[in-house]
Amino acid sequence: MALSTASNFAKPDDAFRAIVEAHRGLSDEQSADLDAALVLILANHIGDLAVLNEAIALAKRRMLDASQQQQQQQQ
């Protein structure tokens, strides 16, 4: 199975809203715990270590790219 980065949701805005709403009213620590639990649940659902490793690498690249863009904007 290859990592799919295209939206698989019929209504992607609804999916995004569901995630945002799940965090409403939580402390920063609770929000981080929710994210960690959600990641582990979805990783288990995927059940493919190669896909998980590809997703981790992509997430890290995106995070680093965003950080670099913020640094450039501040200069």
N, C-alpha and C. Protein backbone atom coordinates (compact mmCIF):
# COMPACT_ATOMS: atom_id res chain seq x y z
N MET A 1 0.85 -1.18 0.00
CA MET A 1 0.00 0.00 0.00
C MET A 1 0.90 1.24 0.00
N ALA A 2 0.61 2.17 -0.88
CA ALA A 2 1.37 3.43 -0.93
C ALA A 2 0.64 4.49 -0.12
N LEU A 3 1.40 5.45 0.37
CA LEU A 3 0.82 6.55 1.14
C LEU A 3 -0.02 7.42 0.22
N SER A 4 -1.26 7.63 0.58
CA SER A 4 -2.15 8.50 -0.19
C SER A 4 -2.13 9.88 0.45
N THR A 5 -1.76 10.90 -0.32
CA THR A 5 -1.75 12.26 0.20
C THR A 5 -2.89 13.10 -0.38
N ALA A 6 -3.66 12.52 -1.28
CA ALA A 6 -4.84 13.21 -1.81
C ALA A 6 -5.97 13.06 -0.79
N SER A 7 -6.87 14.02 -0.79
CA SER A 7 -8.00 13.94 0.15
C SER A 7 -8.88 12.75 -0.20
N ASN A 8 -9.18 11.95 0.80
CA ASN A 8 -10.08 10.81 0.62
C ASN A 8 -11.46 11.09 1.21
N PHE A 9 -11.68 12.31 1.67
CA PHE A 9 -12.95 12.68 2.28
C PHE A 9 -13.86 13.33 1.25
N ALA A 10 -15.13 12.95 1.28
CA ALA A 10 -16.10 13.60 0.41
C ALA A 10 -16.24 15.07 0.82
N LYS A 11 -16.12 15.33 2.10
CA LYS A 11 -16.22 16.70 2.64
C LYS A 11 -15.01 16.95 3.54
N PRO A 12 -13.86 17.31 2.96
CA PRO A 12 -12.65 17.50 3.77
C PRO A 12 -12.79 18.57 4.84
N ASP A 13 -13.57 19.61 4.57
CA ASP A 13 -13.76 20.65 5.58
C ASP A 13 -14.45 20.09 6.82
N ASP A 14 -15.38 19.16 6.63
CA ASP A 14 -16.05 18.53 7.76
C ASP A 14 -15.08 17.70 8.59
N ALA A 15 -14.16 17.02 7.91
CA ALA A 15 -13.16 16.22 8.62
C ALA A 15 -12.25 17.13 9.44
N PHE A 16 -11.80 18.23 8.84
CA PHE A 16 -10.96 19.20 9.55
C PHE A 16 -11.72 19.76 10.75
N ARG A 17 -12.98 20.12 10.54
CA ARG A 17 -13.80 20.69 11.61
C ARG A 17 -13.96 19.69 12.76
N ALA A 18 -14.12 18.41 12.45
CA ALA A 18 -14.27 17.38 13.49
C ALA A 18 -13.02 17.31 14.36
N ILE A 19 -11.85 17.42 13.73
CA ILE A 19 -10.60 17.38 14.49
C ILE A 19 -10.47 18.62 15.37
N VAL A 20 -10.77 19.77 14.80
CA VAL A 20 -10.70 21.03 15.57
C VAL A 20 -11.67 20.98 16.74
N GLU A 21 -12.89 20.54 16.49
CA GLU A 21 -13.90 20.49 17.55
C GLU A 21 -13.52 19.51 18.66
N ALA A 22 -12.82 18.43 18.30
CA ALA A 22 -12.40 17.46 19.31
C ALA A 22 -11.45 18.09 20.33
N HIS A 23 -10.75 19.15 19.92
CA HIS A 23 -9.80 19.82 20.80
C HIS A 23 -10.42 20.94 21.63
N ARG A 24 -11.62 21.33 21.27
CA ARG A 24 -12.28 22.45 21.95
C ARG A 24 -12.45 22.16 23.44
N GLY A 25 -12.01 23.09 24.26
CA GLY A 25 -12.16 22.97 25.70
C GLY A 25 -11.07 22.18 26.38
N LEU A 26 -10.12 21.66 25.62
CA LEU A 26 -9.04 20.88 26.22
C LEU A 26 -7.86 21.78 26.56
N SER A 27 -7.14 21.41 27.58
CA SER A 27 -5.89 22.12 27.89
C SER A 27 -4.86 21.75 26.82
N ASP A 28 -3.74 22.45 26.80
CA ASP A 28 -2.67 22.12 25.84
C ASP A 28 -2.20 20.68 26.03
N GLU A 29 -2.07 20.27 27.29
CA GLU A 29 -1.63 18.90 27.58
C GLU A 29 -2.66 17.88 27.11
N GLN A 30 -3.93 18.14 27.38
CA GLN A 30 -4.98 17.23 26.94
C GLN A 30 -5.05 17.18 25.41
N SER A 31 -4.85 18.31 24.77
CA SER A 31 -4.88 18.38 23.32
C SER A 31 -3.73 17.55 22.73
N ALA A 32 -2.55 17.67 23.32
CA ALA A 32 -1.40 16.87 22.86
C ALA A 32 -1.66 15.38 23.08
N ASP A 33 -2.29 15.04 24.21
CA ASP A 33 -2.62 13.64 24.49
C ASP A 33 -3.63 13.10 23.48
N LEU A 34 -4.62 13.93 23.13
CA LEU A 34 -5.61 13.54 22.13
C LEU A 34 -4.93 13.29 20.78
N ASP A 35 -4.04 14.20 20.39
CA ASP A 35 -3.32 14.03 19.12
C ASP A 35 -2.52 12.73 19.13
N ALA A 36 -1.82 12.46 20.21
CA ALA A 36 -1.01 11.24 20.30
C ALA A 36 -1.90 9.99 20.22
N ALA A 37 -3.01 10.00 20.92
CA ALA A 37 -3.91 8.85 20.89
C ALA A 37 -4.49 8.66 19.48
N LEU A 38 -4.87 9.76 18.85
CA LEU A 38 -5.43 9.69 17.50
C LEU A 38 -4.40 9.15 16.52
N VAL A 39 -3.16 9.60 16.62
CA VAL A 39 -2.10 9.11 15.74
C VAL A 39 -1.91 7.60 15.92
N LEU A 40 -1.87 7.14 17.16
CA LEU A 40 -1.67 5.71 17.39
C LEU A 40 -2.85 4.88 16.90
N ILE A 41 -4.06 5.37 17.10
CA ILE A 41 -5.25 4.65 16.63
C ILE A 41 -5.25 4.56 15.11
N LEU A 42 -4.97 5.68 14.44
CA LEU A 42 -4.97 5.68 12.98
C LEU A 42 -3.79 4.89 12.41
N ALA A 43 -2.62 4.95 13.07
CA ALA A 43 -1.48 4.15 12.62
C ALA A 43 -1.81 2.67 12.70
N ASN A 44 -2.47 2.25 13.77
CA ASN A 44 -2.89 0.86 13.90
C ASN A 44 -3.89 0.50 12.81
N HIS A 45 -4.79 1.40 12.49
CA HIS A 45 -5.79 1.16 11.45
C HIS A 45 -5.09 0.96 10.09
N ILE A 46 -4.07 1.75 9.81
CA ILE A 46 -3.31 1.60 8.57
C ILE A 46 -2.62 0.25 8.55
N GLY A 47 -1.93 -0.07 9.63
CA GLY A 47 -1.35 -1.39 9.79
C GLY A 47 -0.22 -1.72 8.84
N ASP A 48 0.41 -0.73 8.25
CA ASP A 48 1.49 -0.97 7.29
C ASP A 48 2.69 -0.11 7.70
N LEU A 49 3.76 -0.75 8.16
CA LEU A 49 4.91 -0.02 8.68
C LEU A 49 5.57 0.85 7.62
N ALA A 50 5.62 0.39 6.38
CA ALA A 50 6.23 1.19 5.31
C ALA A 50 5.43 2.47 5.08
N VAL A 51 4.12 2.37 5.09
CA VAL A 51 3.27 3.56 4.91
C VAL A 51 3.43 4.49 6.11
N LEU A 52 3.48 3.93 7.30
CA LEU A 52 3.67 4.74 8.50
C LEU A 52 4.99 5.49 8.44
N ASN A 53 6.07 4.80 8.06
CA ASN A 53 7.37 5.46 7.96
C ASN A 53 7.36 6.56 6.91
N GLU A 54 6.68 6.33 5.79
CA GLU A 54 6.57 7.35 4.75
C GLU A 54 5.79 8.57 5.27
N ALA A 55 4.73 8.31 6.01
CA ALA A 55 3.92 9.40 6.57
C ALA A 55 4.72 10.20 7.60
N ILE A 56 5.50 9.52 8.43
CA ILE A 56 6.34 10.21 9.42
C ILE A 56 7.34 11.10 8.72
N ALA A 57 7.99 10.59 7.69
CA ALA A 57 8.99 11.37 6.96
C ALA A 57 8.35 12.59 6.31
N LEU A 58 7.17 12.42 5.71
CA LEU A 58 6.47 13.53 5.08
C LEU A 58 6.07 14.58 6.11
N ALA A 59 5.55 14.14 7.24
CA ALA A 59 5.15 15.08 8.30
C ALA A 59 6.35 15.87 8.81
N LYS A 60 7.48 15.20 8.98
CA LYS A 60 8.69 15.90 9.45
C LYS A 60 9.16 16.93 8.42
N ARG A 61 9.14 16.54 7.13
CA ARG A 61 9.55 17.49 6.08
C ARG A 61 8.64 18.71 6.08
N ARG A 62 7.35 18.48 6.19
CA ARG A 62 6.39 19.60 6.19
C ARG A 62 6.60 20.50 7.39
N MET A 63 6.86 19.91 8.54
CA MET A 63 7.09 20.68 9.75
C MET A 63 8.35 21.52 9.61
N LEU A 64 9.42 20.92 9.10
CA LEU A 64 10.68 21.64 8.93
C LEU A 64 10.55 22.74 7.87
N ASP A 65 9.83 22.45 6.79
CA ASP A 65 9.60 23.47 5.76
C ASP A 65 8.83 24.66 6.32
N ALA A 66 7.81 24.39 7.12
CA ALA A 66 7.02 25.46 7.72
C ALA A 66 7.88 26.29 8.67
N SER A 67 8.73 25.62 9.43
CA SER A 67 9.62 26.32 10.36
C SER A 67 10.60 27.21 9.62
N GLN A 68 11.14 26.71 8.52
CA GLN A 68 12.07 27.50 7.72
C GLN A 68 11.37 28.71 7.10
N GLN A 69 10.15 28.54 6.65
CA GLN A 69 9.40 29.65 6.07
C GLN A 69 9.13 30.72 7.12
N GLN A 70 8.82 30.32 8.34
CA GLN A 70 8.59 31.29 9.41
C GLN A 70 9.86 32.07 9.71
N GLN A 71 10.98 31.37 9.74
CA GLN A 71 12.25 32.05 9.99
C GLN A 71 12.59 33.04 8.90
N GLN A 72 12.32 32.69 7.66
CA GLN A 72 12.59 33.61 6.55
C GLN A 72 11.69 34.82 6.60
N GLN A 73 10.46 34.66 7.02
CA GLN A 73 9.51 35.77 7.11
C GLN A 73 9.91 36.73 8.22
N GLN A 74 10.55 36.21 9.26
CA GLN A 74 10.95 37.05 10.38
C GLN A 74 12.22 37.84 10.09
N GLN A 75 12.93 37.51 9.04
CA GLN A 75 14.18 38.19 8.71
C GLN A 75 13.94 39.44 7.91
